[in-house]
């Protein structure tokens, strides 16, 4: 028996396709193939096999992650964070994002830390260049000392604790600049 590749991937027996092409009730040959493709595609999602359940589970997780990222992009208020937001709201949002960025760097998750860069900074700094700037395993702890916001620009003063060769627990004060743009606070490198 010789089977076409389409019949091997289909859940329908090979004779179904031959019967359909001889059926007087179905219209032109093109509509038969379109109906078969639609049926195969639709049945793909209704399949009860382990592989299909895993695929649907993966797509569900991806969809939820996308919704979560979309929610994070909206900021604190329904309209998002803006330069006209109250100073306390801006300070809290910027402090939370600065700490989250440094926690990602402490864990060694460079792509997550890269996501906090402003869109303009990401456009000019590729991920591999950003990775080269940070030595993983040396950052230990970060503490935010103050956040000052004026309009759409915020300055975060923090203390970073890190290890360098034989010197452990070095504390260095840092000053970071964050901008509020598109409803979110972004780190400007």
C-alpha atoms as a PDB file:
ATOM      1  CA  UNK A   1       0.000   0.000   0.000  1.00  0.00           C
ATOM      2  CA  UNK A   2       1.280   3.430  -0.804  1.00  0.00           C
ATOM      3  CA  UNK A   3       0.056   6.354   1.220  1.00  0.00           C
ATOM      4  CA  UNK A   4       0.507  10.023   0.612  1.00  0.00           C
ATOM      5  CA  UNK A   5       2.179  12.029   3.346  1.00  0.00           C
ATOM      6  CA  UNK A   6      -1.067  13.922   3.951  1.00  0.00           C
ATOM      7  CA  UNK A   7      -2.891  10.693   4.774  1.00  0.00           C
ATOM      8  CA  UNK A   8      -0.178   9.596   7.181  1.00  0.00           C
ATOM      9  CA  UNK A   9      -0.580  12.790   9.210  1.00  0.00           C
ATOM     10  CA  UNK A  10      -4.364  12.753   9.040  1.00  0.00           C
ATOM     11  CA  UNK A  11      -6.611  11.036  11.570  1.00  0.00           C
ATOM     12  CA  UNK A  12      -8.963  10.025   8.736  1.00  0.00           C
ATOM     13  CA  UNK A  13      -8.617   6.714   6.893  1.00  0.00           C
ATOM     14  CA  UNK A  14      -7.234   7.012   3.352  1.00  0.00           C
ATOM     15  CA  UNK A  15     -10.506   5.827   1.821  1.00  0.00           C
ATOM     16  CA  UNK A  16     -12.365   8.860   3.216  1.00  0.00           C
ATOM     17  CA  UNK A  17     -10.568  11.187   0.892  1.00  0.00           C
ATOM     18  CA  UNK A  18     -11.377   9.034  -2.147  1.00  0.00           C
ATOM     19  CA  UNK A  19     -15.046   8.748  -1.139  1.00  0.00           C
ATOM     20  CA  UNK A  20     -15.334  12.485  -0.696  1.00  0.00           C
ATOM     21  CA  UNK A  21     -14.007  13.181  -4.144  1.00  0.00           C
ATOM     22  CA  UNK A  22     -16.669  10.870  -5.654  1.00  0.00           C
ATOM     23  CA  UNK A  23     -19.535  12.216  -3.575  1.00  0.00           C
ATOM     24  CA  UNK A  24     -22.118  14.141  -5.636  1.00  0.00           C
ATOM     25  CA  UNK A  25     -23.220  16.225  -2.610  1.00  0.00           C
ATOM     26  CA  UNK A  26     -19.923  18.085  -2.276  1.00  0.00           C
ATOM     27  CA  UNK A  27     -19.128  20.872  -4.694  1.00  0.00           C
ATOM     28  CA  UNK A  28     -15.971  21.468  -6.680  1.00  0.00           C
ATOM     29  CA  UNK A  29     -12.692  19.672  -6.014  1.00  0.00           C
ATOM     30  CA  UNK A  30     -11.163  22.779  -4.431  1.00  0.00           C
ATOM     31  CA  UNK A  31     -13.840  23.042  -1.773  1.00  0.00           C
ATOM     32  CA  UNK A  32     -13.328  19.380  -0.849  1.00  0.00           C
ATOM     33  CA  UNK A  33      -9.662  19.939  -0.142  1.00  0.00           C
ATOM     34  CA  UNK A  34     -10.391  23.134   1.760  1.00  0.00           C
ATOM     35  CA  UNK A  35     -12.984  21.342   3.891  1.00  0.00           C
ATOM     36  CA  UNK A  36     -10.577  18.476   4.568  1.00  0.00           C
ATOM     37  CA  UNK A  37      -7.790  20.840   5.561  1.00  0.00           C
ATOM     38  CA  UNK A  38     -10.110  22.764   7.861  1.00  0.00           C
ATOM     39  CA  UNK A  39     -11.353  19.514   9.435  1.00  0.00           C
ATOM     40  CA  UNK A  40      -7.822  18.221   9.941  1.00  0.00           C
ATOM     41  CA  UNK A  41      -6.731  21.537  11.435  1.00  0.00           C
ATOM     42  CA  UNK A  42      -9.740  21.688  13.756  1.00  0.00           C
ATOM     43  CA  UNK A  43      -9.356  18.067  14.859  1.00  0.00           C
ATOM     44  CA  UNK A  44      -5.718  18.746  15.627  1.00  0.00           C
ATOM     45  CA  UNK A  45      -6.828  20.871  18.589  1.00  0.00           C
ATOM     46  CA  UNK A  46      -9.438  18.371  19.733  1.00  0.00           C
ATOM     47  CA  UNK A  47      -7.037  15.418  19.787  1.00  0.00           C
ATOM     48  CA  UNK A  48      -6.717  13.718  23.125  1.00  0.00           C
ATOM     49  CA  UNK A  49      -3.141  12.469  22.768  1.00  0.00           C
ATOM     50  CA  UNK A  50      -0.460  13.325  25.304  1.00  0.00           C
ATOM     51  CA  UNK A  51       1.504  15.319  22.745  1.00  0.00           C
ATOM     52  CA  UNK A  52      -1.511  17.485  21.897  1.00  0.00           C
ATOM     53  CA  UNK A  53      -2.284  18.127  25.560  1.00  0.00           C
ATOM     54  CA  UNK A  54       1.307  19.166  26.132  1.00  0.00           C
ATOM     55  CA  UNK A  55       1.213  21.477  23.123  1.00  0.00           C
ATOM     56  CA  UNK A  56      -2.012  23.083  24.297  1.00  0.00           C
ATOM     57  CA  UNK A  57      -0.567  23.422  27.794  1.00  0.00           C
ATOM     58  CA  UNK A  58       2.522  25.123  26.357  1.00  0.00           C
ATOM     59  CA  UNK A  59       0.421  27.499  24.270  1.00  0.00           C
ATOM     60  CA  UNK A  60      -1.719  28.262  27.315  1.00  0.00           C
ATOM     61  CA  UNK A  61       1.343  29.096  29.406  1.00  0.00           C
ATOM     62  CA  UNK A  62       2.701  31.274  26.594  1.00  0.00           C
ATOM     63  CA  UNK A  63      -0.631  33.097  26.313  1.00  0.00           C
ATOM     64  CA  UNK A  64      -0.741  33.738  30.064  1.00  0.00           C
ATOM     65  CA  UNK A  65       2.850  34.987  30.029  1.00  0.00           C
ATOM     66  CA  UNK A  66       1.951  37.338  27.176  1.00  0.00           C
ATOM     67  CA  UNK A  67      -1.016  38.661  29.120  1.00  0.00           C
ATOM     68  CA  UNK A  68       1.158  39.149  32.195  1.00  0.00           C
ATOM     69  CA  UNK A  69       3.745  41.075  30.192  1.00  0.00           C
ATOM     70  CA  UNK A  70       1.016  43.184  28.644  1.00  0.00           C
ATOM     71  CA  UNK A  71      -0.304  43.919  32.133  1.00  0.00           C
ATOM     72  CA  UNK A  72       3.170  44.905  33.325  1.00  0.00           C
ATOM     73  CA  UNK A  73       3.556  47.226  30.358  1.00  0.00           C
ATOM     74  CA  UNK A  74       0.421  49.105  31.383  1.00  0.00           C
ATOM     75  CA  UNK A  75       2.039  50.345  34.599  1.00  0.00           C
ATOM     76  CA  UNK A  76       0.471  51.138  37.938  1.00  0.00           C
ATOM     77  CA  UNK A  77      -2.691  52.972  36.901  1.00  0.00           C
ATOM     78  CA  UNK A  78      -5.196  52.062  34.182  1.00  0.00           C
ATOM     79  CA  UNK A  79      -3.749  54.825  32.018  1.00  0.00           C
ATOM     80  CA  UNK A  80      -0.202  53.752  32.890  1.00  0.00           C
ATOM     81  CA  UNK A  81       2.592  55.681  34.512  1.00  0.00           C
ATOM     82  CA  UNK A  82       3.181  59.155  33.132  1.00  0.00           C
ATOM     83  CA  UNK A  83       5.172  62.280  33.863  1.00  0.00           C
ATOM     84  CA  UNK A  84       1.973  63.740  35.367  1.00  0.00           C
ATOM     85  CA  UNK A  85       1.519  60.889  37.866  1.00  0.00           C
ATOM     86  CA  UNK A  86       1.856  61.794  41.557  1.00  0.00           C
ATOM     87  CA  UNK A  87       5.491  61.821  42.734  1.00  0.00           C
ATOM     88  CA  UNK A  88       4.890  59.025  45.264  1.00  0.00           C
ATOM     89  CA  UNK A  89       3.486  56.736  42.574  1.00  0.00           C
ATOM     90  CA  UNK A  90       6.416  57.431  40.266  1.00  0.00           C
ATOM     91  CA  UNK A  91       8.939  56.870  43.059  1.00  0.00           C
ATOM     92  CA  UNK A  92       7.383  53.554  44.096  1.00  0.00           C
ATOM     93  CA  UNK A  93       7.185  52.296  40.507  1.00  0.00           C
ATOM     94  CA  UNK A  94      10.758  53.283  39.665  1.00  0.00           C
ATOM     95  CA  UNK A  95      12.120  51.840  42.916  1.00  0.00           C
ATOM     96  CA  UNK A  96      10.323  48.525  42.311  1.00  0.00           C
ATOM     97  CA  UNK A  97      11.647  48.283  38.751  1.00  0.00           C
ATOM     98  CA  UNK A  98      15.195  49.243  39.788  1.00  0.00           C
ATOM     99  CA  UNK A  99      15.227  46.553  42.485  1.00  0.00           C
ATOM    100  CA  UNK A 100      13.735  43.990  40.074  1.00  0.00           C
ATOM    101  CA  UNK A 101      16.410  44.794  37.477  1.00  0.00           C
ATOM    102  CA  UNK A 102      19.220  44.381  39.991  1.00  0.00           C
ATOM    103  CA  UNK A 103      17.702  41.167  41.356  1.00  0.00           C
ATOM    104  CA  UNK A 104      17.757  39.799  37.815  1.00  0.00           C
ATOM    105  CA  UNK A 105      21.431  40.787  37.510  1.00  0.00           C
ATOM    106  CA  UNK A 106      22.216  39.192  40.889  1.00  0.00           C
ATOM    107  CA  UNK A 107      20.546  35.952  39.744  1.00  0.00           C
ATOM    108  CA  UNK A 108      22.476  36.115  36.468  1.00  0.00           C
ATOM    109  CA  UNK A 109      19.363  36.509  34.300  1.00  0.00           C
ATOM    110  CA  UNK A 110      20.768  38.968  31.761  1.00  0.00           C
ATOM    111  CA  UNK A 111      17.814  38.812  29.303  1.00  0.00           C
ATOM    112  CA  UNK A 112      15.409  39.729  32.117  1.00  0.00           C
ATOM    113  CA  UNK A 113      17.616  42.663  33.151  1.00  0.00           C
ATOM    114  CA  UNK A 114      17.922  43.686  29.488  1.00  0.00           C
ATOM    115  CA  UNK A 115      14.130  43.978  29.305  1.00  0.00           C
ATOM    116  CA  UNK A 116      14.260  46.910  31.774  1.00  0.00           C
ATOM    117  CA  UNK A 117      16.340  49.016  29.385  1.00  0.00           C
ATOM    118  CA  UNK A 118      14.509  51.784  27.569  1.00  0.00           C
ATOM    119  CA  UNK A 119      13.437  51.019  24.001  1.00  0.00           C
ATOM    120  CA  UNK A 120      15.966  53.561  22.692  1.00  0.00           C
ATOM    121  CA  UNK A 121      18.796  51.951  24.686  1.00  0.00           C
ATOM    122  CA  UNK A 122      17.827  48.476  23.454  1.00  0.00           C
ATOM    123  CA  UNK A 123      17.820  49.787  19.890  1.00  0.00           C
ATOM    124  CA  UNK A 124      21.433  50.943  20.232  1.00  0.00           C
ATOM    125  CA  UNK A 125      22.764  48.224  22.573  1.00  0.00           C
ATOM    126  CA  UNK A 126      22.377  44.593  21.460  1.00  0.00           C
ATOM    127  CA  UNK A 127      21.894  41.887  24.080  1.00  0.00           C
ATOM    128  CA  UNK A 128      25.361  40.374  23.530  1.00  0.00           C
ATOM    129  CA  UNK A 129      27.025  43.755  24.159  1.00  0.00           C
ATOM    130  CA  UNK A 130      24.919  44.170  27.320  1.00  0.00           C
ATOM    131  CA  UNK A 131      25.976  40.664  28.455  1.00  0.00           C
ATOM    132  CA  UNK A 132      29.639  41.557  27.971  1.00  0.00           C
ATOM    133  CA  UNK A 133      29.288  44.571  30.306  1.00  0.00           C
ATOM    134  CA  UNK A 134      28.183  42.467  33.293  1.00  0.00           C
ATOM    135  CA  UNK A 135      30.279  39.791  35.001  1.00  0.00           C
ATOM    136  CA  UNK A 136      27.925  37.272  36.504  1.00  0.00           C
ATOM    137  CA  UNK A 137      28.457  36.013  40.012  1.00  0.00           C
ATOM    138  CA  UNK A 138      30.009  39.149  41.416  1.00  0.00           C
ATOM    139  CA  UNK A 139      26.855  41.081  42.406  1.00  0.00           C
ATOM    140  CA  UNK A 140      25.522  40.194  45.862  1.00  0.00           C
ATOM    141  CA  UNK A 141      23.003  42.754  47.117  1.00  0.00           C
ATOM    142  CA  UNK A 142      21.422  46.079  46.243  1.00  0.00           C
ATOM    143  CA  UNK A 143      19.736  48.653  48.468  1.00  0.00           C
ATOM    144  CA  UNK A 144      17.844  51.699  47.183  1.00  0.00           C
ATOM    145  CA  UNK A 145      18.783  54.820  49.134  1.00  0.00           C
ATOM    146  CA  UNK A 146      16.561  57.388  47.400  1.00  0.00           C
ATOM    147  CA  UNK A 147      14.448  58.054  44.323  1.00  0.00           C
ATOM    148  CA  UNK A 148      13.979  61.592  43.009  1.00  0.00           C
ATOM    149  CA  UNK A 149      11.614  62.250  40.108  1.00  0.00           C
ATOM    150  CA  UNK A 150      11.222  65.448  38.123  1.00  0.00           C
ATOM    151  CA  UNK A 151       8.770  65.195  35.270  1.00  0.00           C
ATOM    152  CA  UNK A 152       9.558  62.108  33.211  1.00  0.00           C
ATOM    153  CA  UNK A 153      13.115  61.624  34.535  1.00  0.00           C
ATOM    154  CA  UNK A 154      13.950  59.861  37.799  1.00  0.00           C
ATOM    155  CA  UNK A 155      17.302  59.470  39.533  1.00  0.00           C
ATOM    156  CA  UNK A 156      17.785  56.393  41.687  1.00  0.00           C
ATOM    157  CA  UNK A 157      20.606  56.389  44.234  1.00  0.00           C
ATOM    158  CA  UNK A 158      21.477  52.949  45.484  1.00  0.00           C
ATOM    159  CA  UNK A 159      24.227  50.984  47.199  1.00  0.00           C
ATOM    160  CA  UNK A 160      25.556  47.887  45.448  1.00  0.00           C
ATOM    161  CA  UNK A 161      27.406  45.139  47.304  1.00  0.00           C
ATOM    162  CA  UNK A 162      29.627  42.910  45.180  1.00  0.00           C
ATOM    163  CA  UNK A 163      32.720  40.689  45.287  1.00  0.00           C
ATOM    164  CA  UNK A 164      35.857  41.316  43.247  1.00  0.00           C
ATOM    165  CA  UNK A 165      38.622  38.721  43.183  1.00  0.00           C
ATOM    166  CA  UNK A 166      39.869  38.423  46.795  1.00  0.00           C
ATOM    167  CA  UNK A 167      37.840  41.389  48.032  1.00  0.00           C
ATOM    168  CA  UNK A 168      34.446  40.361  49.345  1.00  0.00           C
ATOM    169  CA  UNK A 169      31.508  42.595  50.239  1.00  0.00           C
ATOM    170  CA  UNK A 170      32.608  45.805  48.540  1.00  0.00           C
ATOM    171  CA  UNK A 171      29.919  48.487  48.759  1.00  0.00           C
ATOM    172  CA  UNK A 172      29.686  51.099  46.032  1.00  0.00           C
ATOM    173  CA  UNK A 173      27.167  53.936  45.733  1.00  0.00           C
ATOM    174  CA  UNK A 174      25.551  54.156  42.291  1.00  0.00           C
ATOM    175  CA  UNK A 175      23.302  56.649  40.586  1.00  0.00           C
ATOM    176  CA  UNK A 176      20.936  55.447  37.846  1.00  0.00           C
ATOM    177  CA  UNK A 177      18.685  57.393  35.515  1.00  0.00           C
ATOM    178  CA  UNK A 178      15.208  56.136  34.652  1.00  0.00           C
ATOM    179  CA  UNK A 179      12.709  57.673  32.235  1.00  0.00           C
ATOM    180  CA  UNK A 180       8.955  57.355  32.199  1.00  0.00           C
ATOM    181  CA  UNK A 181       7.785  56.585  28.694  1.00  0.00           C
ATOM    182  CA  UNK A 182       4.824  54.702  27.194  1.00  0.00           C
ATOM    183  CA  UNK A 183       3.253  54.125  30.613  1.00  0.00           C
ATOM    184  CA  UNK A 184       6.336  52.497  32.159  1.00  0.00           C
ATOM    185  CA  UNK A 185       9.646  53.368  33.833  1.00  0.00           C
ATOM    186  CA  UNK A 186      12.752  52.395  31.821  1.00  0.00           C
ATOM    187  CA  UNK A 187      16.430  52.287  32.751  1.00  0.00           C
ATOM    188  CA  UNK A 188      18.633  54.542  30.611  1.00  0.00           C
ATOM    189  CA  UNK A 189      22.151  53.217  30.275  1.00  0.00           C
END
